[in-house]
Amino acid sequence: QIFKNNFLRIGAIYTGFQYIYQKGIDMDKRHIPKNRGDIYKDLLMKNCVGSASTLLVKKKCFDKVKLFDESLPSCQDWDMWIRIASRYSIDFVNKPLAKVRVHDKFTSWQNSPNELYLGWLKMLEKVENLYLSEGIISNKILRQSRALANYNYGLALLRRDMLAESLEYFFVAIQLYPTYVKTYVRLLEYLCRRITEE
């Protein structure tokens, strides 16, 4: 119905989803859609669309932006959503209509932070090469997205008790996006941990 009412403007529709454990039991965690319309800049900050299991995409979108980029170490689906959103509007159904299984090899900041970090940066290189010259995206947004990649990687290292290593990535995040308050909160957490250890 959404496609029918907005046939020319909308290129893809996504839904909410329910996370489930490996044995199929529901987790106390859901992804609820919030971003619709021109969400290109939103997607550069985070994968607000989520799992590929929830999307309906018009064939013409793939004709225009091509298929998934298997050369990326991670974030192949996120890269695709960015490319679609650069050309089309995206809408959602505000209900969890799919289930996503979480398992030992599930790509996340907890299980595979290095893979996610490298995939995010590689994806941003593509965005810069494809869209910066067209004026679709600005250097400011690219810097902020790179900052968030470094912040999330630093946070993943901090949660693994790799305190000194995390500090390097938090400092890079501050240089790129000095007004992002969460980075300072994590730095304070780092300092408190060091004081406690001593």
C-alpha atoms as a PDB file:
ATOM      1  CA  GLN A   1       0.000   0.000   0.000  1.00  0.00           C
ATOM      2  CA  ILE A   2       2.870   2.409   0.797  1.00  0.00           C
ATOM      3  CA  PHE A   3       4.477   1.695  -2.578  1.00  0.00           C
ATOM      4  CA  LYS A   4       1.129   2.178  -4.291  1.00  0.00           C
ATOM      5  CA  ASN A   5       0.485   5.564  -2.686  1.00  0.00           C
ATOM      6  CA  ASN A   6       4.013   6.886  -3.299  1.00  0.00           C
ATOM      7  CA  PHE A   7       5.063   4.927  -6.374  1.00  0.00           C
ATOM      8  CA  LEU A   8       7.512   7.388  -7.938  1.00  0.00           C
ATOM      9  CA  ARG A   9       9.141   8.727  -4.769  1.00  0.00           C
ATOM     10  CA  ILE A  10       9.795   5.719  -2.531  1.00  0.00           C
ATOM     11  CA  GLY A  11      12.470   3.187  -3.420  1.00  0.00           C
ATOM     12  CA  ALA A  12      12.400   0.906  -0.390  1.00  0.00           C
ATOM     13  CA  ILE A  13      10.334   0.072   2.688  1.00  0.00           C
ATOM     14  CA  TYR A  14      11.660  -1.494   5.878  1.00  0.00           C
ATOM     15  CA  THR A  15       9.992  -2.784   9.033  1.00  0.00           C
ATOM     16  CA  GLY A  16      10.787  -3.329  12.673  1.00  0.00           C
ATOM     17  CA  PHE A  17      12.149  -6.662  13.844  1.00  0.00           C
ATOM     18  CA  GLN A  18      12.452  -8.820  16.925  1.00  0.00           C
ATOM     19  CA  TYR A  19      15.830 -10.225  17.996  1.00  0.00           C
ATOM     20  CA  ILE A  20      15.746 -13.919  18.904  1.00  0.00           C
ATOM     21  CA  TYR A  21      18.246 -16.268  20.536  1.00  0.00           C
ATOM     22  CA  GLN A  22      19.895 -19.035  18.517  1.00  0.00           C
ATOM     23  CA  LYS A  23      17.244 -21.548  19.634  1.00  0.00           C
ATOM     24  CA  GLY A  24      14.424 -19.277  18.460  1.00  0.00           C
ATOM     25  CA  ILE A  25      13.387 -17.761  21.797  1.00  0.00           C
ATOM     26  CA  ASP A  26      12.537 -14.049  21.725  1.00  0.00           C
ATOM     27  CA  MET A  27      15.065 -11.674  23.289  1.00  0.00           C
ATOM     28  CA  ASP A  28      14.002  -8.600  25.233  1.00  0.00           C
ATOM     29  CA  LYS A  29      15.187  -6.424  22.355  1.00  0.00           C
ATOM     30  CA  ARG A  30      13.475  -4.994  19.297  1.00  0.00           C
ATOM     31  CA  HIS A  31      14.409  -2.669  16.479  1.00  0.00           C
ATOM     32  CA  ILE A  32      11.631  -0.109  15.943  1.00  0.00           C
ATOM     33  CA  PRO A  33      11.809   2.064  12.797  1.00  0.00           C
ATOM     34  CA  LYS A  34      12.070   5.824  13.317  1.00  0.00           C
ATOM     35  CA  ASN A  35      13.638   7.290  10.164  1.00  0.00           C
ATOM     36  CA  ARG A  36      11.702   7.861   6.959  1.00  0.00           C
ATOM     37  CA  GLY A  37      11.868  10.053   3.878  1.00  0.00           C
ATOM     38  CA  ASP A  38      15.256  11.469   2.933  1.00  0.00           C
ATOM     39  CA  ILE A  39      17.313   9.466   5.435  1.00  0.00           C
ATOM     40  CA  TYR A  40      20.658   9.552   3.615  1.00  0.00           C
ATOM     41  CA  LYS A  41      22.406  11.674   6.261  1.00  0.00           C
ATOM     42  CA  ASP A  42      20.783   9.679   9.076  1.00  0.00           C
ATOM     43  CA  LEU A  43      22.208   6.496   7.563  1.00  0.00           C
ATOM     44  CA  LEU A  44      25.709   7.931   7.526  1.00  0.00           C
ATOM     45  CA  MET A  45      25.508   8.292  11.303  1.00  0.00           C
ATOM     46  CA  LYS A  46      24.222   4.755  11.951  1.00  0.00           C
ATOM     47  CA  ASN A  47      22.458   1.862  10.253  1.00  0.00           C
ATOM     48  CA  CYS A  48      18.969   2.984  11.242  1.00  0.00           C
ATOM     49  CA  VAL A  49      17.358   0.583   8.732  1.00  0.00           C
ATOM     50  CA  GLY A  50      18.886  -2.573  10.160  1.00  0.00           C
ATOM     51  CA  SER A  51      18.590  -6.105   8.833  1.00  0.00           C
ATOM     52  CA  ALA A  52      18.209  -6.940   5.148  1.00  0.00           C
ATOM     53  CA  SER A  53      15.466  -9.370   6.187  1.00  0.00           C
ATOM     54  CA  THR A  54      13.042  -6.490   6.710  1.00  0.00           C
ATOM     55  CA  LEU A  55      13.312  -4.658   3.378  1.00  0.00           C
ATOM     56  CA  LEU A  56      11.224  -4.488   0.241  1.00  0.00           C
ATOM     57  CA  VAL A  57      13.253  -2.804  -2.506  1.00  0.00           C
ATOM     58  CA  LYS A  58      12.083  -1.866  -5.986  1.00  0.00           C
ATOM     59  CA  LYS A  59      14.044  -3.533  -8.765  1.00  0.00           C
ATOM     60  CA  LYS A  60      14.819  -0.166 -10.317  1.00  0.00           C
ATOM     61  CA  CYS A  61      16.849   0.723  -7.202  1.00  0.00           C
ATOM     62  CA  PHE A  62      19.237  -2.161  -7.847  1.00  0.00           C
ATOM     63  CA  ASP A  63      19.374  -1.196 -11.519  1.00  0.00           C
ATOM     64  CA  LYS A  64      20.412   2.300 -10.453  1.00  0.00           C
ATOM     65  CA  VAL A  65      22.801   1.703  -7.544  1.00  0.00           C
ATOM     66  CA  LYS A  66      23.947  -1.868  -8.398  1.00  0.00           C
ATOM     67  CA  LEU A  67      24.134  -4.878  -6.064  1.00  0.00           C
ATOM     68  CA  PHE A  68      25.773  -5.576  -2.703  1.00  0.00           C
ATOM     69  CA  ASP A  69      29.497  -4.861  -2.520  1.00  0.00           C
ATOM     70  CA  GLU A  70      31.066  -8.147  -1.452  1.00  0.00           C
ATOM     71  CA  SER A  71      34.544  -6.577  -1.309  1.00  0.00           C
ATOM     72  CA  LEU A  72      33.672  -4.815   1.963  1.00  0.00           C
ATOM     73  CA  PRO A  73      34.861  -6.644   5.125  1.00  0.00           C
ATOM     74  CA  SER A  74      31.472  -5.823   6.744  1.00  0.00           C
ATOM     75  CA  CYS A  75      28.565  -3.364   6.428  1.00  0.00           C
ATOM     76  CA  GLN A  76      27.539  -4.634   2.977  1.00  0.00           C
ATOM     77  CA  ASP A  77      23.853  -4.146   3.753  1.00  0.00           C
ATOM     78  CA  TRP A  78      24.438  -0.723   5.333  1.00  0.00           C
ATOM     79  CA  ASP A  79      26.400   0.359   2.247  1.00  0.00           C
ATOM     80  CA  MET A  80      23.466  -0.695   0.080  1.00  0.00           C
ATOM     81  CA  TRP A  81      20.929   1.272   2.137  1.00  0.00           C
ATOM     82  CA  ILE A  82      23.114   4.398   1.843  1.00  0.00           C
ATOM     83  CA  ARG A  83      23.321   4.052  -1.925  1.00  0.00           C
ATOM     84  CA  ILE A  84      19.553   3.563  -2.219  1.00  0.00           C
ATOM     85  CA  ALA A  85      18.852   6.505   0.115  1.00  0.00           C
ATOM     86  CA  SER A  86      21.117   8.745  -1.965  1.00  0.00           C
ATOM     87  CA  ARG A  87      18.658   8.387  -4.863  1.00  0.00           C
ATOM     88  CA  TYR A  88      15.269   7.554  -3.323  1.00  0.00           C
ATOM     89  CA  SER A  89      13.096   8.157  -0.282  1.00  0.00           C
ATOM     90  CA  ILE A  90      12.677   5.300   2.185  1.00  0.00           C
ATOM     91  CA  ASP A  91       9.600   4.556   4.290  1.00  0.00           C
ATOM     92  CA  PHE A  92       8.759   2.022   6.989  1.00  0.00           C
ATOM     93  CA  VAL A  93       6.042  -0.090   8.576  1.00  0.00           C
ATOM     94  CA  ASN A  94       6.142   0.600  12.301  1.00  0.00           C
ATOM     95  CA  LYS A  95       5.746  -3.023  13.405  1.00  0.00           C
ATOM     96  CA  PRO A  96       8.209  -5.886  14.068  1.00  0.00           C
ATOM     97  CA  LEU A  97       7.348  -8.058  11.067  1.00  0.00           C
ATOM     98  CA  ALA A  98      10.566 -10.106  11.050  1.00  0.00           C
ATOM     99  CA  LYS A  99      12.789 -11.965  13.480  1.00  0.00           C
ATOM    100  CA  VAL A 100      16.601 -11.746  13.461  1.00  0.00           C
ATOM    101  CA  ARG A 101      18.558 -14.570  15.040  1.00  0.00           C
ATOM    102  CA  VAL A 102      21.575 -13.643  17.191  1.00  0.00           C
ATOM    103  CA  HIS A 103      24.303 -16.320  17.194  1.00  0.00           C
ATOM    104  CA  ASP A 104      28.016 -16.711  17.932  1.00  0.00           C
ATOM    105  CA  LYS A 105      29.034 -15.432  14.488  1.00  0.00           C
ATOM    106  CA  PHE A 106      26.527 -12.558  14.479  1.00  0.00           C
ATOM    107  CA  THR A 107      28.394  -9.423  13.366  1.00  0.00           C
ATOM    108  CA  SER A 108      28.287  -6.883  16.179  1.00  0.00           C
ATOM    109  CA  TRP A 109      30.521  -4.512  18.111  1.00  0.00           C
ATOM    110  CA  GLN A 110      30.691  -7.179  20.806  1.00  0.00           C
ATOM    111  CA  ASN A 111      31.688 -10.107  18.585  1.00  0.00           C
ATOM    112  CA  SER A 112      33.644  -8.525  15.721  1.00  0.00           C
ATOM    113  CA  PRO A 113      34.582  -4.876  16.427  1.00  0.00           C
ATOM    114  CA  ASN A 114      37.620  -4.817  14.140  1.00  0.00           C
ATOM    115  CA  GLU A 115      35.616  -6.141  11.191  1.00  0.00           C
ATOM    116  CA  LEU A 116      32.861  -3.580  11.743  1.00  0.00           C
ATOM    117  CA  TYR A 117      35.318  -0.706  12.170  1.00  0.00           C
ATOM    118  CA  LEU A 118      37.202  -1.492   8.959  1.00  0.00           C
ATOM    119  CA  GLY A 119      33.953  -2.010   7.045  1.00  0.00           C
ATOM    120  CA  TRP A 120      32.575   1.345   8.236  1.00  0.00           C
ATOM    121  CA  LEU A 121      35.711   3.244   7.161  1.00  0.00           C
ATOM    122  CA  LYS A 122      35.839   1.455   3.801  1.00  0.00           C
ATOM    123  CA  MET A 123      32.180   2.263   3.243  1.00  0.00           C
ATOM    124  CA  LEU A 124      32.842   5.952   3.942  1.00  0.00           C
ATOM    125  CA  GLU A 125      35.645   5.954   1.384  1.00  0.00           C
ATOM    126  CA  LYS A 126      33.092   4.818  -1.183  1.00  0.00           C
ATOM    127  CA  VAL A 127      30.625   7.498  -0.113  1.00  0.00           C
ATOM    128  CA  GLU A 128      33.288  10.182  -0.434  1.00  0.00           C
ATOM    129  CA  ASN A 129      34.354   9.004  -3.891  1.00  0.00           C
ATOM    130  CA  LEU A 130      30.787   8.644  -5.172  1.00  0.00           C
ATOM    131  CA  TYR A 131      28.905  11.585  -3.694  1.00  0.00           C
ATOM    132  CA  LEU A 132      31.146  14.345  -2.317  1.00  0.00           C
ATOM    133  CA  SER A 133      31.770  15.917  -5.717  1.00  0.00           C
ATOM    134  CA  GLU A 134      28.023  15.803  -6.490  1.00  0.00           C
ATOM    135  CA  GLY A 135      27.205  17.842  -3.395  1.00  0.00           C
ATOM    136  CA  ILE A 136      25.001  15.068  -2.009  1.00  0.00           C
ATOM    137  CA  ILE A 137      27.168  14.886   1.096  1.00  0.00           C
ATOM    138  CA  SER A 138      29.460  17.320   2.912  1.00  0.00           C
ATOM    139  CA  ASN A 139      32.912  16.937   4.463  1.00  0.00           C
ATOM    140  CA  LYS A 140      31.342  17.775   7.819  1.00  0.00           C
ATOM    141  CA  ILE A 141      28.991  14.778   7.725  1.00  0.00           C
ATOM    142  CA  LEU A 142      31.833  12.504   6.610  1.00  0.00           C
ATOM    143  CA  ARG A 143      34.009  13.679   9.513  1.00  0.00           C
ATOM    144  CA  GLN A 144      31.193  13.089  11.981  1.00  0.00           C
ATOM    145  CA  SER A 145      30.579   9.588  10.646  1.00  0.00           C
ATOM    146  CA  ARG A 146      34.287   8.730  10.863  1.00  0.00           C
ATOM    147  CA  ALA A 147      34.235  10.064  14.412  1.00  0.00           C
ATOM    148  CA  LEU A 148      31.363   7.740  15.315  1.00  0.00           C
ATOM    149  CA  ALA A 149      33.234   4.784  13.811  1.00  0.00           C
ATOM    150  CA  ASN A 150      36.204   5.591  16.051  1.00  0.00           C
ATOM    151  CA  TYR A 151      33.949   6.188  19.056  1.00  0.00           C
ATOM    152  CA  ASN A 152      32.182   2.839  18.663  1.00  0.00           C
ATOM    153  CA  TYR A 153      35.454   0.998  18.153  1.00  0.00           C
ATOM    154  CA  GLY A 154      36.956   2.702  21.202  1.00  0.00           C
ATOM    155  CA  LEU A 155      33.872   1.753  23.217  1.00  0.00           C
ATOM    156  CA  ALA A 156      34.144  -1.867  22.074  1.00  0.00           C
ATOM    157  CA  LEU A 157      37.788  -1.957  23.192  1.00  0.00           C
ATOM    158  CA  LEU A 158      36.891  -0.338  26.514  1.00  0.00           C
ATOM    159  CA  ARG A 159      34.307  -3.040  27.161  1.00  0.00           C
ATOM    160  CA  ARG A 160      37.029  -5.625  26.561  1.00  0.00           C
ATOM    161  CA  ASP A 161      39.157  -3.901  29.220  1.00  0.00           C
ATOM    162  CA  MET A 162      41.613  -2.706  26.563  1.00  0.00           C
ATOM    163  CA  LEU A 163      41.820   0.681  28.223  1.00  0.00           C
ATOM    164  CA  ALA A 164      44.965   2.114  26.668  1.00  0.00           C
ATOM    165  CA  GLU A 165      43.976   1.001  23.158  1.00  0.00           C
ATOM    166  CA  SER A 166      40.515   2.533  23.477  1.00  0.00           C
ATOM    167  CA  LEU A 167      41.986   5.915  24.357  1.00  0.00           C
ATOM    168  CA  GLU A 168      43.576   6.297  20.920  1.00  0.00           C
ATOM    169  CA  TYR A 169      40.233   5.948  19.142  1.00  0.00           C
ATOM    170  CA  PHE A 170      38.389   8.247  21.541  1.00  0.00           C
ATOM    171  CA  PHE A 171      40.949  10.980  20.853  1.00  0.00           C
ATOM    172  CA  VAL A 172      40.497  10.564  17.089  1.00  0.00           C
ATOM    173  CA  ALA A 173      36.716  10.822  17.579  1.00  0.00           C
ATOM    174  CA  ILE A 174      37.140  14.080  19.515  1.00  0.00           C
ATOM    175  CA  GLN A 175      39.362  15.566  16.822  1.00  0.00           C
ATOM    176  CA  LEU A 176      36.809  14.757  14.133  1.00  0.00           C
ATOM    177  CA  TYR A 177      33.626  15.560  16.095  1.00  0.00           C
ATOM    178  CA  PRO A 178      34.484  17.676  19.170  1.00  0.00           C
ATOM    179  CA  THR A 179      30.853  18.360  20.141  1.00  0.00           C
ATOM    180  CA  TYR A 180      29.868  14.688  20.490  1.00  0.00           C
ATOM    181  CA  VAL A 181      29.292  14.501  24.253  1.00  0.00           C
ATOM    182  CA  LYS A 182      29.280  10.707  24.587  1.00  0.00           C
ATOM    183  CA  THR A 183      32.995  10.542  23.777  1.00  0.00           C
ATOM    184  CA  TYR A 184      33.827  12.686  26.803  1.00  0.00           C
ATOM    185  CA  VAL A 185      31.607  10.512  28.987  1.00  0.00           C
ATOM    186  CA  ARG A 186      33.547   7.418  27.907  1.00  0.00           C
ATOM    187  CA  LEU A 187      36.853   9.193  28.489  1.00  0.00           C
ATOM    188  CA  LEU A 188      35.732   9.996  32.014  1.00  0.00           C
ATOM    189  CA  GLU A 189      34.838   6.339  32.466  1.00  0.00           C
ATOM    190  CA  TYR A 190      38.327   5.435  31.246  1.00  0.00           C
ATOM    191  CA  LEU A 191      39.999   7.788  33.730  1.00  0.00           C
ATOM    192  CA  CYS A 192      37.906   6.467  36.606  1.00  0.00           C
ATOM    193  CA  ARG A 193      38.940   2.932  35.742  1.00  0.00           C
ATOM    194  CA  ARG A 194      42.611   3.876  35.688  1.00  0.00           C
ATOM    195  CA  ILE A 195      42.316   5.592  39.062  1.00  0.00           C
ATOM    196  CA  THR A 196      40.566   2.527  40.497  1.00  0.00           C
ATOM    197  CA  GLU A 197      43.294   0.227  39.178  1.00  0.00           C
ATOM    198  CA  GLU A 198      46.005   2.312  40.782  1.00  0.00           C
END
